[in-house]
Amino acid sequence: MQLGSLSRSSFLTGSRQYNTSTKNETIQNKGFFYQACLKERVHEPEYGVFWLEIAEADSLLHHDHQKWAVRNAPEMSE
């Protein structure tokens, strides 16, 4: 399903975070972060898409590598 067409997109960074599972196993969470500019909206999504201020997004994210990417994305996109 296509939400819209992009006028521009770029890869910002990748990150990894290691956690220990309840079974005492190491789990590697990988994150890949992109910046995209929506050129036009094709239709409303069937799921929730919403925009947040960086501080609010930071408080809602669970993994530290996701929080790091959101905090640093403005600097990486310059």
C-alpha atoms as a PDB file:
ATOM      1  CA  MET A   1       0.000   0.000   0.000  1.00  0.00           C
ATOM      2  CA  GLN A   2       1.395   3.369  -0.943  1.00  0.00           C
ATOM      3  CA  LEU A   3       0.864   6.330   1.395  1.00  0.00           C
ATOM      4  CA  GLY A   4       2.392   8.918  -0.901  1.00  0.00           C
ATOM      5  CA  SER A   5       5.178   9.612  -3.340  1.00  0.00           C
ATOM      6  CA  LEU A   6       8.579  10.807  -2.214  1.00  0.00           C
ATOM      7  CA  SER A   7      10.361  13.844  -3.537  1.00  0.00           C
ATOM      8  CA  ARG A   8      13.579  12.867  -1.762  1.00  0.00           C
ATOM      9  CA  SER A   9      14.857  10.215   0.636  1.00  0.00           C
ATOM     10  CA  SER A  10      18.231   9.515   2.166  1.00  0.00           C
ATOM     11  CA  PHE A  11      19.822   7.032   4.517  1.00  0.00           C
ATOM     12  CA  LEU A  12      20.891   8.747   7.743  1.00  0.00           C
ATOM     13  CA  THR A  13      22.536   6.046   9.831  1.00  0.00           C
ATOM     14  CA  GLY A  14      22.398   2.557  11.223  1.00  0.00           C
ATOM     15  CA  SER A  15      22.718   1.563  14.846  1.00  0.00           C
ATOM     16  CA  ARG A  16      22.801  -1.503  17.065  1.00  0.00           C
ATOM     17  CA  GLN A  17      21.869  -2.153  20.644  1.00  0.00           C
ATOM     18  CA  TYR A  18      22.601  -5.312  22.571  1.00  0.00           C
ATOM     19  CA  ASN A  19      20.194  -6.542  25.242  1.00  0.00           C
ATOM     20  CA  THR A  20      19.904  -9.636  27.382  1.00  0.00           C
ATOM     21  CA  SER A  21      16.733 -11.683  27.050  1.00  0.00           C
ATOM     22  CA  THR A  22      14.799 -13.245  29.924  1.00  0.00           C
ATOM     23  CA  LYS A  23      16.591 -16.494  28.954  1.00  0.00           C
ATOM     24  CA  ASN A  24      19.941 -14.724  29.504  1.00  0.00           C
ATOM     25  CA  GLU A  25      20.678 -14.712  25.759  1.00  0.00           C
ATOM     26  CA  THR A  26      22.216 -11.749  23.964  1.00  0.00           C
ATOM     27  CA  ILE A  27      19.879 -10.076  21.497  1.00  0.00           C
ATOM     28  CA  GLN A  28      21.095  -7.589  18.919  1.00  0.00           C
ATOM     29  CA  ASN A  29      18.549  -4.972  17.846  1.00  0.00           C
ATOM     30  CA  LYS A  30      19.454  -3.287  14.564  1.00  0.00           C
ATOM     31  CA  GLY A  31      18.026   0.015  13.423  1.00  0.00           C
ATOM     32  CA  PHE A  32      18.226   1.710  10.034  1.00  0.00           C
ATOM     33  CA  PHE A  33      17.106   5.320   9.888  1.00  0.00           C
ATOM     34  CA  TYR A  34      16.075   7.308   6.848  1.00  0.00           C
ATOM     35  CA  GLN A  35      14.852  10.802   6.146  1.00  0.00           C
ATOM     36  CA  ALA A  36      12.150  11.227   3.545  1.00  0.00           C
ATOM     37  CA  CYS A  37      10.157  14.138   2.163  1.00  0.00           C
ATOM     38  CA  LEU A  38       6.601  13.359   1.157  1.00  0.00           C
ATOM     39  CA  LYS A  39       5.777  15.013  -2.165  1.00  0.00           C
ATOM     40  CA  GLU A  40       2.084  14.213  -2.301  1.00  0.00           C
ATOM     41  CA  ARG A  41      -0.389  12.203  -0.271  1.00  0.00           C
ATOM     42  CA  VAL A  42      -2.000   9.387  -2.228  1.00  0.00           C
ATOM     43  CA  HIS A  43      -4.517   8.421   0.469  1.00  0.00           C
ATOM     44  CA  GLU A  44      -4.982   8.341   4.210  1.00  0.00           C
ATOM     45  CA  PRO A  45      -3.255   5.361   5.820  1.00  0.00           C
ATOM     46  CA  GLU A  46      -5.225   2.575   7.463  1.00  0.00           C
ATOM     47  CA  TYR A  47      -2.904   2.746  10.458  1.00  0.00           C
ATOM     48  CA  GLY A  48      -1.825   5.612  12.656  1.00  0.00           C
ATOM     49  CA  VAL A  49       0.678   8.020  11.154  1.00  0.00           C
ATOM     50  CA  PHE A  50       1.344  11.078  13.215  1.00  0.00           C
ATOM     51  CA  TRP A  51       4.112  13.602  13.757  1.00  0.00           C
ATOM     52  CA  LEU A  52       5.700  14.253  17.136  1.00  0.00           C
ATOM     53  CA  GLU A  53       8.110  16.743  18.562  1.00  0.00           C
ATOM     54  CA  ILE A  54      11.523  15.178  19.199  1.00  0.00           C
ATOM     55  CA  ALA A  55      11.126  15.302  23.001  1.00  0.00           C
ATOM     56  CA  GLU A  56       7.754  13.561  22.845  1.00  0.00           C
ATOM     57  CA  ALA A  57       9.018  10.867  20.469  1.00  0.00           C
ATOM     58  CA  ASP A  58      12.024  10.321  22.734  1.00  0.00           C
ATOM     59  CA  SER A  59       9.734   9.630  25.703  1.00  0.00           C
ATOM     60  CA  LEU A  60       7.677   7.079  23.734  1.00  0.00           C
ATOM     61  CA  LEU A  61      10.509   5.056  22.205  1.00  0.00           C
ATOM     62  CA  HIS A  62      11.683   1.959  24.049  1.00  0.00           C
ATOM     63  CA  HIS A  63      15.156   1.266  22.662  1.00  0.00           C
ATOM     64  CA  ASP A  64      18.075   3.597  23.304  1.00  0.00           C
ATOM     65  CA  HIS A  65      19.381   3.308  19.732  1.00  0.00           C
ATOM     66  CA  GLN A  66      16.004   4.561  18.437  1.00  0.00           C
ATOM     67  CA  LYS A  67      16.076   7.491  20.860  1.00  0.00           C
ATOM     68  CA  TRP A  68      19.636   8.311  19.790  1.00  0.00           C
ATOM     69  CA  ALA A  69      18.648   8.373  16.114  1.00  0.00           C
ATOM     70  CA  VAL A  70      15.638  10.632  16.727  1.00  0.00           C
ATOM     71  CA  ARG A  71      17.696  13.050  18.828  1.00  0.00           C
ATOM     72  CA  ASN A  72      20.509  13.229  16.273  1.00  0.00           C
ATOM     73  CA  ALA A  73      18.557  13.089  12.982  1.00  0.00           C
ATOM     74  CA  PRO A  74      18.378  16.894  12.546  1.00  0.00           C
ATOM     75  CA  GLU A  75      22.186  17.150  12.681  1.00  0.00           C
ATOM     76  CA  MET A  76      22.689  14.156  10.392  1.00  0.00           C
ATOM     77  CA  SER A  77      20.379  15.539   7.716  1.00  0.00           C
ATOM     78  CA  GLU A  78      22.188  18.881   7.325  1.00  0.00           C
END
